[in-house]
Protein backbone atom coordinates (compact mmCIF):
# COMPACT_ATOMS: atom_id res chain seq x y z
CA MET A 1 53.47 -98.79 161.11
CA LYS A 2 55.51 -99.76 164.16
CA LYS A 3 56.11 -103.20 162.59
CA LEU A 4 57.43 -101.56 159.43
CA LEU A 5 59.82 -99.35 161.40
CA PHE A 6 61.01 -102.35 163.41
CA LEU A 7 61.58 -104.41 160.24
CA ALA A 8 63.46 -101.54 158.60
CA ALA A 9 65.69 -101.09 161.68
CA ALA A 10 66.31 -104.86 161.85
CA ALA A 11 67.21 -104.93 158.16
CA MET A 12 69.69 -102.07 158.65
CA LEU A 13 71.29 -103.78 161.63
CA TYR A 14 71.56 -107.01 159.68
CA ALA A 15 73.14 -105.20 156.72
CA CYS A 16 75.69 -103.55 158.99
CA GLY A 17 76.43 -106.83 160.73
CA GLY A 18 76.82 -108.78 157.48
CA SER A 19 80.00 -108.95 155.41
CA HIS A 20 82.78 -106.68 156.68
CA GLU A 21 84.95 -107.07 153.61
CA GLY A 22 86.07 -103.64 152.51
CA HIS A 23 84.50 -102.02 155.57
CA ASP A 24 86.96 -99.87 157.49
CA HIS A 25 86.53 -99.77 161.29
CA ALA A 26 89.46 -97.44 161.89
CA HIS A 27 87.14 -94.77 163.31
CA GLU A 28 84.99 -96.88 165.66
CA GLY A 29 83.23 -95.24 168.57
CA ALA A 30 82.11 -91.65 168.90
CA ASP A 31 83.97 -90.56 165.79
CA SER A 32 82.54 -93.25 163.55
CA LEU A 33 79.83 -90.95 162.19
CA ALA A 34 82.03 -87.88 161.96
CA VAL A 35 83.32 -86.78 158.60
CA ILE A 36 86.83 -85.34 158.64
CA PRO A 37 86.65 -81.93 156.98
CA THR A 38 89.17 -80.84 154.41
CA ALA A 39 89.75 -77.40 152.97
CA ALA A 40 91.29 -76.78 149.54
CA TYR A 41 93.08 -73.65 148.37
CA GLY A 42 94.52 -72.74 144.98
CA GLU A 43 94.43 -75.12 142.02
CA ALA A 44 92.72 -78.49 142.46
CA PHE A 45 94.99 -81.53 142.44
CA ASP A 46 94.89 -85.27 143.11
CA THR A 47 96.21 -86.30 146.56
CA THR A 48 96.01 -90.06 145.91
CA ASN A 49 99.71 -90.62 145.21
CA ALA A 50 101.19 -87.93 147.46
CA ALA A 51 104.76 -88.63 148.48
CA PRO A 52 106.29 -88.04 151.90
CA LEU A 53 108.50 -84.95 152.21
CA ALA A 54 111.53 -87.23 152.69
CA GLN A 55 111.18 -88.17 149.00
CA MET A 56 111.41 -84.50 148.03
CA PHE A 57 114.73 -84.16 149.86
CA THR A 58 116.10 -87.26 148.09
CA ASP A 59 115.01 -85.99 144.66
CA ILE A 60 116.22 -82.40 145.11
CA ASP A 61 119.78 -83.64 145.67
CA THR A 62 120.04 -84.61 141.99
CA VAL A 63 118.12 -81.76 140.30
CA SER A 64 117.55 -78.06 140.96
CA THR A 65 113.75 -78.19 141.08
CA VAL A 66 111.34 -81.00 142.03
CA THR A 67 107.64 -80.88 141.14
CA GLY A 68 105.04 -83.07 142.82
CA VAL A 69 102.41 -83.61 145.50
CA TYR A 70 103.60 -84.15 149.08
CA ARG A 71 102.05 -84.77 152.47
CA ALA A 72 103.26 -82.68 155.40
CA THR A 73 102.38 -81.28 158.84
CA ILE A 74 101.85 -77.52 159.17
CA VAL A 75 104.03 -75.71 161.72
CA GLU A 76 102.54 -72.23 161.28
CA SER A 77 101.03 -69.89 158.72
CA CYS A 78 101.45 -66.19 157.91
CA GLN A 79 99.56 -64.21 160.56
CA LYS A 80 99.08 -61.19 158.32
CA MET A 81 97.41 -62.68 155.25
CA GLY A 82 98.06 -66.43 154.87
CA CYS A 83 100.47 -66.04 151.95
CA TRP A 84 102.88 -68.66 153.35
CA MET A 85 103.07 -71.49 155.80
CA SER A 86 105.88 -73.63 157.14
CA VAL A 87 105.78 -77.41 157.32
CA GLU A 88 107.77 -79.95 159.33
CA THR A 89 110.72 -81.70 157.69
CA ALA A 90 113.67 -83.73 159.00
CA GLU A 91 115.87 -80.66 158.34
CA GLY A 92 113.54 -78.28 160.24
CA PRO A 93 110.62 -76.13 159.05
CA MET A 94 110.35 -75.57 155.29
CA MET A 95 108.65 -72.47 153.89
CA VAL A 96 105.72 -73.04 151.53
CA TYR A 97 104.73 -69.95 149.54
CA MET A 98 101.36 -69.53 147.83
CA ASN A 99 102.16 -69.17 144.12
CA ASP A 100 102.02 -65.51 143.01
CA HIS A 101 99.65 -64.68 145.91
CA ALA A 102 96.92 -66.29 143.81
CA PHE A 103 95.40 -67.82 146.94
CA PHE A 104 95.84 -67.76 150.72
CA VAL A 105 95.67 -70.30 153.51
CA PRO A 106 94.03 -69.59 156.88
CA LYS A 107 96.03 -67.38 159.25
CA THR A 108 94.98 -69.35 162.30
CA GLY A 109 93.67 -72.78 163.28
CA VAL A 110 95.90 -74.86 161.01
CA ASN A 111 99.06 -75.35 163.11
CA GLY A 112 99.72 -79.07 163.62
CA LYS A 113 97.26 -80.14 160.91
CA GLU A 114 98.19 -82.54 158.11
CA CYS A 115 98.15 -81.13 154.59
CA PHE A 116 98.91 -81.91 150.97
CA ILE A 117 100.95 -79.45 148.93
CA SER A 118 101.21 -79.42 145.15
CA GLY A 119 103.89 -77.44 143.35
CA SER A 120 107.66 -77.29 143.12
CA ALA A 121 110.54 -77.38 145.60
CA TYR A 122 113.80 -75.52 145.08
CA ARG A 123 116.78 -74.26 147.07
CA ASP A 124 117.39 -70.54 147.28
CA THR A 125 119.05 -67.80 149.36
CA LEU A 126 116.96 -65.82 151.85
CA THR A 127 118.32 -62.33 152.51
CA VAL A 128 118.46 -60.94 156.03
CA ASP A 129 115.68 -58.45 155.20
CA PHE A 130 113.40 -61.16 153.82
CA GLN A 131 113.95 -63.40 156.85
CA LYS A 132 113.00 -60.48 159.07
CA HIS A 133 109.93 -59.83 156.94
CA LEU A 134 108.81 -63.47 157.42
CA LEU A 135 109.32 -63.16 161.17
CA GLU A 136 107.21 -59.99 161.19
CA ASP A 137 104.47 -61.93 159.31
CA ALA A 138 104.66 -64.58 162.04
CA MET A 139 104.29 -61.89 164.73
CA ALA A 140 107.71 -62.73 166.18
CA SER A 141 109.23 -60.60 168.93
CA GLU A 142 111.61 -57.74 168.16
CA GLU A 143 114.35 -59.78 169.82
CA GLU A 144 113.84 -62.67 167.38
CA ILE A 145 113.70 -60.35 164.40
CA ASN A 146 116.86 -58.46 165.39
CA ALA A 147 118.71 -61.75 165.96
CA VAL A 148 118.74 -62.41 162.19
CA THR A 149 122.09 -61.24 160.87
CA GLU A 150 123.05 -63.65 158.05
CA GLU A 151 121.61 -64.86 154.79
CA LYS A 152 120.65 -68.50 154.65
CA TYR A 153 120.37 -71.06 151.89
CA GLU A 154 117.41 -73.40 152.26
CA LEU A 155 114.78 -75.52 150.60
CA ALA A 156 111.50 -73.74 149.83
CA PHE A 157 108.26 -74.78 148.12
CA ASN A 158 106.16 -72.83 145.63
CA ALA A 159 102.61 -74.18 146.08
CA THR A 160 100.00 -74.05 143.33
CA GLY A 161 97.51 -75.82 145.59
CA VAL A 162 97.06 -76.82 149.23
CA VAL A 163 94.61 -79.20 150.91
CA ILE A 164 94.36 -79.06 154.71
CA ILE A 165 93.00 -82.12 156.49
CA GLY A 166 90.82 -81.54 159.52
CA HIS A 167 90.13 -77.88 158.76
CA ASP A 168 86.62 -76.59 158.17
CA ALA A 169 86.74 -74.10 155.30
CA THR A 170 83.49 -72.48 156.40
CA ALA A 171 85.35 -70.96 159.33
CA ASP A 172 87.98 -69.31 157.13
CA GLU A 173 88.39 -65.57 157.03
CA ALA A 174 91.18 -65.83 154.49
CA ALA A 175 89.04 -66.03 151.35
CA GLU A 176 86.94 -63.03 152.37
CA GLU A 177 89.61 -60.69 153.67
CA ASN A 178 91.07 -57.80 151.76
CA HIS A 179 94.71 -58.72 151.17
CA GLU A 180 95.83 -55.33 149.81
CA GLY A 181 98.77 -53.59 151.38
CA HIS A 182 100.88 -56.69 151.93
CA ASP A 183 102.87 -57.17 148.80
CA HIS A 184 105.99 -59.27 148.54
CA SER A 185 107.08 -61.85 146.02
CA HIS A 186 107.89 -65.44 146.91
CA GLU A 187 109.10 -66.57 143.51
CA GLU A 188 112.29 -68.56 143.18
CA GLY A 189 115.31 -66.27 143.05
CA ASP A 190 113.33 -63.27 144.27
CA TYR A 191 114.04 -63.23 148.01
CA ASP A 192 115.14 -59.64 148.15
CA GLY A 193 112.89 -58.56 150.96
CA ASP A 194 110.18 -56.90 148.84
């Protein structure tokens, strides 16, 4: 029996040491056996041909709405229910709203993680009241909230689906929580502070 185990182990070592063509060693060492978790929210979508956010900014200059799949880094998410998150762009954080509150992203544990977002980008005006509402969602200080005194025109994203890389969905509270009592619309042209 010991001989069989030895032969099996030797065969496995030989197989691993054979041809390396198509074998990725990017995660050598302690992480080589680890699987990077991903968590998906909303509608399923293909991330294979995701574009960088810079492409979105180029495309939105010529049309009013751009639809696609983009890769981004999460800055923060809504601390009250996960109905929005902001992602890094060259122009500063961009708001990503979960389409019609049909799904929610985690409220914590996703800041700094890479993600894919599927949906449409558009430019719109955010009222003072709505900006304050978003700051309240982010648990900002009263000083930060009261400092908002002007409307602003910015790029936003209406997400139909989100995939977060490096996040373990089994730890999420978002899918199980009761989201009643926090109702506001994030549809294009509807930033009236509901």
